[in-house]
Amino acid sequence: MILRKIEDGTQKKLHRGKAIIPLGPRQTGKTTLVKKVCPMGSNDLIWLTGDDANYNTRLKNSSISTLKP
């Protein structure tokens, strides 16, 4: 796996009460980065993907309160 500079910065910003939203073109490692820095099973993690048509529509004009399951 390729080590990225952004990984360390992302780790430091976790658990500060803010959303971290990785953006970028397809196939650039966004999902891999999130899976590496966020342990699965974490209670404060909401996993959304823009590839899912339902979430894509909701993500365009939403707030975090409307996105929480």
PDB file of N, CA and C in Angstrom:
ATOM      1  N   MET A   1       0.846  -1.175   0.000  1.00  0.00           N
ATOM      2  CA  MET A   1       0.000   0.000   0.000  1.00  0.00           C
ATOM      3  C   MET A   1       0.892   1.240   0.000  1.00  0.00           C
ATOM      4  N   ILE A   2       0.475   2.255  -0.709  1.00  0.00           N
ATOM      5  CA  ILE A   2       1.232   3.496  -0.806  1.00  0.00           C
ATOM      6  C   ILE A   2       0.935   4.361   0.422  1.00  0.00           C
ATOM      7  N   LEU A   3       1.986   4.831   1.096  1.00  0.00           N
ATOM      8  CA  LEU A   3       1.803   5.743   2.212  1.00  0.00           C
ATOM      9  C   LEU A   3       1.593   7.145   1.658  1.00  0.00           C
ATOM     10  N   ARG A   4       0.581   7.827   2.186  1.00  0.00           N
ATOM     11  CA  ARG A   4       0.264   9.163   1.690  1.00  0.00           C
ATOM     12  C   ARG A   4       0.448  10.192   2.800  1.00  0.00           C
ATOM     13  N   LYS A   5       0.886  11.394   2.434  1.00  0.00           N
ATOM     14  CA  LYS A   5       1.070  12.475   3.397  1.00  0.00           C
ATOM     15  C   LYS A   5      -0.250  12.838   4.074  1.00  0.00           C
ATOM     16  N   ILE A   6      -1.332  12.753   3.349  1.00  0.00           N
ATOM     17  CA  ILE A   6      -2.640  13.150   3.869  1.00  0.00           C
ATOM     18  C   ILE A   6      -3.118  12.221   5.000  1.00  0.00           C
ATOM     19  N   GLU A   7      -2.601  11.008   5.039  1.00  0.00           N
ATOM     20  CA  GLU A   7      -3.036  10.043   6.048  1.00  0.00           C
ATOM     21  C   GLU A   7      -2.761  10.537   7.465  1.00  0.00           C
ATOM     22  N   ASP A   8      -1.569  11.034   7.708  1.00  0.00           N
ATOM     23  CA  ASP A   8      -1.206  11.519   9.034  1.00  0.00           C
ATOM     24  C   ASP A   8      -2.072  12.718   9.440  1.00  0.00           C
ATOM     25  N   GLY A   9      -2.275  13.640   8.525  1.00  0.00           N
ATOM     26  CA  GLY A   9      -3.112  14.812   8.802  1.00  0.00           C
ATOM     27  C   GLY A   9      -4.554  14.431   9.088  1.00  0.00           C
ATOM     28  N   THR A  10      -5.034  13.442   8.364  1.00  0.00           N
ATOM     29  CA  THR A  10      -6.409  12.974   8.575  1.00  0.00           C
ATOM     30  C   THR A  10      -6.541  12.327   9.955  1.00  0.00           C
ATOM     31  N   GLN A  11      -5.574  11.529  10.349  1.00  0.00           N
ATOM     32  CA  GLN A  11      -5.587  10.888  11.676  1.00  0.00           C
ATOM     33  C   GLN A  11      -5.676  11.941  12.773  1.00  0.00           C
ATOM     34  N   LYS A  12      -4.918  13.025  12.639  1.00  0.00           N
ATOM     35  CA  LYS A  12      -4.881  14.068  13.666  1.00  0.00           C
ATOM     36  C   LYS A  12      -6.201  14.826  13.770  1.00  0.00           C
ATOM     37  N   LYS A  13      -6.960  14.881  12.694  1.00  0.00           N
ATOM     38  CA  LYS A  13      -8.213  15.632  12.689  1.00  0.00           C
ATOM     39  C   LYS A  13      -9.429  14.807  13.105  1.00  0.00           C
ATOM     40  N   LEU A  14      -9.246  13.511  13.301  1.00  0.00           N
ATOM     41  CA  LEU A  14     -10.363  12.657  13.721  1.00  0.00           C
ATOM     42  C   LEU A  14     -10.806  12.994  15.137  1.00  0.00           C
ATOM     43  N   HIS A  15     -12.056  12.750  15.423  1.00  0.00           N
ATOM     44  CA  HIS A  15     -12.643  12.886  16.762  1.00  0.00           C
ATOM     45  C   HIS A  15     -12.590  14.319  17.279  1.00  0.00           C
ATOM     46  N   ARG A  16     -12.780  15.281  16.404  1.00  0.00           N
ATOM     47  CA  ARG A  16     -12.836  16.678  16.817  1.00  0.00           C
ATOM     48  C   ARG A  16     -14.231  17.259  16.623  1.00  0.00           C
ATOM     49  N   GLY A  17     -15.202  16.397  16.394  1.00  0.00           N
ATOM     50  CA  GLY A  17     -16.578  16.853  16.247  1.00  0.00           C
ATOM     51  C   GLY A  17     -16.908  17.428  14.883  1.00  0.00           C
ATOM     52  N   LYS A  18     -16.054  17.214  13.918  1.00  0.00           N
ATOM     53  CA  LYS A  18     -16.282  17.729  12.572  1.00  0.00           C
ATOM     54  C   LYS A  18     -16.293  16.577  11.574  1.00  0.00           C
ATOM     55  N   ALA A  19     -16.971  16.794  10.468  1.00  0.00           N
ATOM     56  CA  ALA A  19     -16.993  15.794   9.397  1.00  0.00           C
ATOM     57  C   ALA A  19     -15.719  15.893   8.573  1.00  0.00           C
ATOM     58  N   ILE A  20     -15.212  14.767   8.173  1.00  0.00           N
ATOM     59  CA  ILE A  20     -14.089  14.705   7.247  1.00  0.00           C
ATOM     60  C   ILE A  20     -14.630  14.057   5.981  1.00  0.00           C
ATOM     61  N   ILE A  21     -14.595  14.809   4.897  1.00  0.00           N
ATOM     62  CA  ILE A  21     -15.180  14.331   3.647  1.00  0.00           C
ATOM     63  C   ILE A  21     -14.096  14.285   2.576  1.00  0.00           C
ATOM     64  N   PRO A  22     -13.599  13.093   2.265  1.00  0.00           N
ATOM     65  CA  PRO A  22     -12.593  12.988   1.208  1.00  0.00           C
ATOM     66  C   PRO A  22     -13.238  13.174  -0.165  1.00  0.00           C
ATOM     67  N   LEU A  23     -12.707  14.104  -0.920  1.00  0.00           N
ATOM     68  CA  LEU A  23     -13.222  14.390  -2.256  1.00  0.00           C
ATOM     69  C   LEU A  23     -12.128  14.165  -3.281  1.00  0.00           C
ATOM     70  N   GLY A  24     -12.515  13.805  -4.473  1.00  0.00           N
ATOM     71  CA  GLY A  24     -11.543  13.633  -5.544  1.00  0.00           C
ATOM     72  C   GLY A  24     -12.078  12.725  -6.621  1.00  0.00           C
ATOM     73  N   PRO A  25     -11.305  12.576  -7.680  1.00  0.00           N
ATOM     74  CA  PRO A  25     -11.737  11.721  -8.786  1.00  0.00           C
ATOM     75  C   PRO A  25     -11.826  10.258  -8.379  1.00  0.00           C
ATOM     76  N   ARG A  26     -12.511   9.505  -9.189  1.00  0.00           N
ATOM     77  CA  ARG A  26     -12.664   8.072  -8.939  1.00  0.00           C
ATOM     78  C   ARG A  26     -11.311   7.376  -8.964  1.00  0.00           C
ATOM     79  N   GLN A  27     -11.216   6.299  -8.182  1.00  0.00           N
ATOM     80  CA  GLN A  27     -10.053   5.417  -8.198  1.00  0.00           C
ATOM     81  C   GLN A  27      -8.762   6.101  -7.744  1.00  0.00           C
ATOM     82  N   THR A  28      -8.858   7.022  -6.774  1.00  0.00           N
ATOM     83  CA  THR A  28      -7.652   7.704  -6.289  1.00  0.00           C
ATOM     84  C   THR A  28      -7.297   7.342  -4.856  1.00  0.00           C
ATOM     85  N   GLY A  29      -8.034   6.405  -4.239  1.00  0.00           N
ATOM     86  CA  GLY A  29      -7.679   5.923  -2.911  1.00  0.00           C
ATOM     87  C   GLY A  29      -8.461   6.523  -1.760  1.00  0.00           C
ATOM     88  N   LYS A  30      -9.566   7.196  -2.035  1.00  0.00           N
ATOM     89  CA  LYS A  30     -10.364   7.806  -0.962  1.00  0.00           C
ATOM     90  C   LYS A  30     -10.909   6.744  -0.008  1.00  0.00           C
ATOM     91  N   THR A  31     -11.503   5.710  -0.531  1.00  0.00           N
ATOM     92  CA  THR A  31     -12.066   4.643   0.304  1.00  0.00           C
ATOM     93  C   THR A  31     -10.968   3.930   1.075  1.00  0.00           C
ATOM     94  N   THR A  32      -9.857   3.664   0.429  1.00  0.00           N
ATOM     95  CA  THR A  32      -8.732   3.000   1.086  1.00  0.00           C
ATOM     96  C   THR A  32      -8.232   3.845   2.254  1.00  0.00           C
ATOM     97  N   LEU A  33      -8.125   5.154   2.062  1.00  0.00           N
ATOM     98  CA  LEU A  33      -7.688   6.059   3.125  1.00  0.00           C
ATOM     99  C   LEU A  33      -8.646   6.013   4.308  1.00  0.00           C
ATOM    100  N   VAL A  34      -9.932   6.103   4.042  1.00  0.00           N
ATOM    101  CA  VAL A  34     -10.922   6.104   5.120  1.00  0.00           C
ATOM    102  C   VAL A  34     -10.893   4.786   5.878  1.00  0.00           C
ATOM    103  N   LYS A  35     -10.815   3.674   5.175  1.00  0.00           N
ATOM    104  CA  LYS A  35     -10.777   2.370   5.836  1.00  0.00           C
ATOM    105  C   LYS A  35      -9.517   2.210   6.682  1.00  0.00           C
ATOM    106  N   LYS A  36      -8.415   2.840   6.258  1.00  0.00           N
ATOM    107  CA  LYS A  36      -7.173   2.717   6.995  1.00  0.00           C
ATOM    108  C   LYS A  36      -7.170   3.564   8.273  1.00  0.00           C
ATOM    109  N   VAL A  37      -7.720   4.770   8.226  1.00  0.00           N
ATOM    110  CA  VAL A  37      -7.659   5.660   9.390  1.00  0.00           C
ATOM    111  C   VAL A  37      -8.856   5.530  10.331  1.00  0.00           C
ATOM    112  N   CYS A  38      -9.940   4.943   9.877  1.00  0.00           N
ATOM    113  CA  CYS A  38     -11.147   4.796  10.703  1.00  0.00           C
ATOM    114  C   CYS A  38     -11.405   3.320  10.963  1.00  0.00           C
ATOM    115  N   PRO A  39     -11.261   2.878  12.199  1.00  0.00           N
ATOM    116  CA  PRO A  39     -11.518   1.471  12.492  1.00  0.00           C
ATOM    117  C   PRO A  39     -12.984   1.111  12.255  1.00  0.00           C
ATOM    118  N   MET A  40     -13.207   0.009  11.590  1.00  0.00           N
ATOM    119  CA  MET A  40     -14.581  -0.443  11.340  1.00  0.00           C
ATOM    120  C   MET A  40     -15.224  -0.805  12.666  1.00  0.00           C
ATOM    121  N   GLY A  41     -16.502  -0.531  12.788  1.00  0.00           N
ATOM    122  CA  GLY A  41     -17.202  -0.795  14.026  1.00  0.00           C
ATOM    123  C   GLY A  41     -17.207   0.407  14.957  1.00  0.00           C
ATOM    124  N   SER A  42     -16.617   1.517  14.522  1.00  0.00           N
ATOM    125  CA  SER A  42     -16.600   2.727  15.332  1.00  0.00           C
ATOM    126  C   SER A  42     -18.014   3.302  15.414  1.00  0.00           C
ATOM    127  N   ASN A  43     -18.456   3.671  16.605  1.00  0.00           N
ATOM    128  CA  ASN A  43     -19.818   4.179  16.795  1.00  0.00           C
ATOM    129  C   ASN A  43     -20.010   5.586  16.257  1.00  0.00           C
ATOM    130  N   ASP A  44     -18.927   6.333  16.065  1.00  0.00           N
ATOM    131  CA  ASP A  44     -19.067   7.708  15.587  1.00  0.00           C
ATOM    132  C   ASP A  44     -18.766   7.842  14.093  1.00  0.00           C
ATOM    133  N   LEU A  45     -18.892   6.763  13.353  1.00  0.00           N
ATOM    134  CA  LEU A  45     -18.607   6.751  11.929  1.00  0.00           C
ATOM    135  C   LEU A  45     -19.887   6.524  11.147  1.00  0.00           C
ATOM    136  N   ILE A  46     -20.155   7.403  10.205  1.00  0.00           N
ATOM    137  CA  ILE A  46     -21.280   7.245   9.285  1.00  0.00           C
ATOM    138  C   ILE A  46     -20.675   7.012   7.911  1.00  0.00           C
ATOM    139  N   TRP A  47     -20.925   5.864   7.327  1.00  0.00           N
ATOM    140  CA  TRP A  47     -20.329   5.493   6.044  1.00  0.00           C
ATOM    141  C   TRP A  47     -21.319   5.801   4.928  1.00  0.00           C
ATOM    142  N   LEU A  48     -20.992   6.781   4.078  1.00  0.00           N
ATOM    143  CA  LEU A  48     -21.833   7.154   2.947  1.00  0.00           C
ATOM    144  C   LEU A  48     -20.996   7.082   1.679  1.00  0.00           C
ATOM    145  N   THR A  49     -21.637   6.778   0.578  1.00  0.00           N
ATOM    146  CA  THR A  49     -20.934   6.761  -0.701  1.00  0.00           C
ATOM    147  C   THR A  49     -21.767   7.499  -1.739  1.00  0.00           C
ATOM    148  N   GLY A  50     -21.099   8.311  -2.526  1.00  0.00           N
ATOM    149  CA  GLY A  50     -21.787   9.047  -3.578  1.00  0.00           C
ATOM    150  C   GLY A  50     -22.194   8.170  -4.738  1.00  0.00           C
ATOM    151  N   ASP A  51     -21.688   6.939  -4.779  1.00  0.00           N
ATOM    152  CA  ASP A  51     -22.069   6.010  -5.844  1.00  0.00           C
ATOM    153  C   ASP A  51     -23.474   5.462  -5.636  1.00  0.00           C
ATOM    154  N   ASP A  52     -23.959   5.487  -4.399  1.00  0.00           N
ATOM    155  CA  ASP A  52     -25.310   5.035  -4.089  1.00  0.00           C
ATOM    156  C   ASP A  52     -26.276   6.168  -4.466  1.00  0.00           C
ATOM    157  N   ALA A  53     -27.199   5.901  -5.371  1.00  0.00           N
ATOM    158  CA  ALA A  53     -28.109   6.932  -5.880  1.00  0.00           C
ATOM    159  C   ALA A  53     -28.900   7.607  -4.763  1.00  0.00           C
ATOM    160  N   ASN A  54     -29.330   6.841  -3.751  1.00  0.00           N
ATOM    161  CA  ASN A  54     -30.089   7.430  -2.645  1.00  0.00           C
ATOM    162  C   ASN A  54     -29.251   8.440  -1.869  1.00  0.00           C
ATOM    163  N   TYR A  55     -28.016   8.065  -1.529  1.00  0.00           N
ATOM    164  CA  TYR A  55     -27.155   8.985  -0.792  1.00  0.00           C
ATOM    165  C   TYR A  55     -26.685  10.140  -1.668  1.00  0.00           C
ATOM    166  N   ASN A  56     -26.446   9.878  -2.940  1.00  0.00           N
ATOM    167  CA  ASN A  56     -26.003  10.931  -3.844  1.00  0.00           C
ATOM    168  C   ASN A  56     -27.010  12.073  -3.851  1.00  0.00           C
ATOM    169  N   THR A  57     -28.281  11.756  -3.966  1.00  0.00           N
ATOM    170  CA  THR A  57     -29.332  12.772  -3.963  1.00  0.00           C
ATOM    171  C   THR A  57     -29.377  13.490  -2.616  1.00  0.00           C
ATOM    172  N   ARG A  58     -29.290  12.735  -1.521  1.00  0.00           N
ATOM    173  CA  ARG A  58     -29.350  13.327  -0.187  1.00  0.00           C
ATOM    174  C   ARG A  58     -28.122  14.179   0.122  1.00  0.00           C
ATOM    175  N   LEU A  59     -26.969  13.827  -0.433  1.00  0.00           N
ATOM    176  CA  LEU A  59     -25.739  14.564  -0.157  1.00  0.00           C
ATOM    177  C   LEU A  59     -25.692  15.935  -0.837  1.00  0.00           C
ATOM    178  N   LYS A  60     -26.411  16.092  -1.916  1.00  0.00           N
ATOM    179  CA  LYS A  60     -26.330  17.335  -2.680  1.00  0.00           C
ATOM    180  C   LYS A  60     -26.792  18.542  -1.882  1.00  0.00           C
ATOM    181  N   ASN A  61     -27.864  18.433  -1.125  1.00  0.00           N
ATOM    182  CA  ASN A  61     -28.401  19.563  -0.365  1.00  0.00           C
ATOM    183  C   ASN A  61     -28.846  19.102   1.009  1.00  0.00           C
ATOM    184  N   SER A  62     -27.896  18.649   1.825  1.00  0.00           N
ATOM    185  CA  SER A  62     -28.260  18.100   3.124  1.00  0.00           C
ATOM    186  C   SER A  62     -27.362  18.633   4.226  1.00  0.00           C
ATOM    187  N   SER A  63     -27.844  18.431   5.441  1.00  0.00           N
ATOM    188  CA  SER A  63     -27.028  18.710   6.623  1.00  0.00           C
ATOM    189  C   SER A  63     -26.773  17.369   7.305  1.00  0.00           C
ATOM    190  N   ILE A  64     -25.853  17.348   8.258  1.00  0.00           N
ATOM    191  CA  ILE A  64     -25.519  16.093   8.937  1.00  0.00           C
ATOM    192  C   ILE A  64     -26.725  15.533   9.674  1.00  0.00           C
ATOM    193  N   SER A  65     -27.593  16.396  10.187  1.00  0.00           N
ATOM    194  CA  SER A  65     -28.752  15.886  10.919  1.00  0.00           C
ATOM    195  C   SER A  65     -29.707  15.119  10.002  1.00  0.00           C
ATOM    196  N   THR A  66     -29.785  15.493   8.739  1.00  0.00           N
ATOM    197  CA  THR A  66     -30.667  14.758   7.818  1.00  0.00           C
ATOM    198  C   THR A  66     -30.006  13.498   7.294  1.00  0.00           C
ATOM    199  N   LEU A  67     -28.682  13.379   7.434  1.00  0.00           N
ATOM    200  CA  LEU A  67     -27.978  12.210   6.926  1.00  0.00           C
ATOM    201  C   LEU A  67     -27.837  11.106   7.959  1.00  0.00           C
ATOM    202  N   LYS A  68     -27.957  11.431   9.241  1.00  0.00           N
ATOM    203  CA  LYS A  68     -27.792  10.418  10.280  1.00  0.00           C
ATOM    204  C   LYS A  68     -28.880   9.351  10.115  1.00  0.00           C
ATOM    205  N   PRO A  69     -28.471   8.065  10.266  1.00  0.00           N
ATOM    206  CA  PRO A  69     -29.459   6.987  10.117  1.00  0.00           C
ATOM    207  C   PRO A  69     -30.472   6.989  11.251  1.00  0.00           C
TER     208      PRO A  69
END
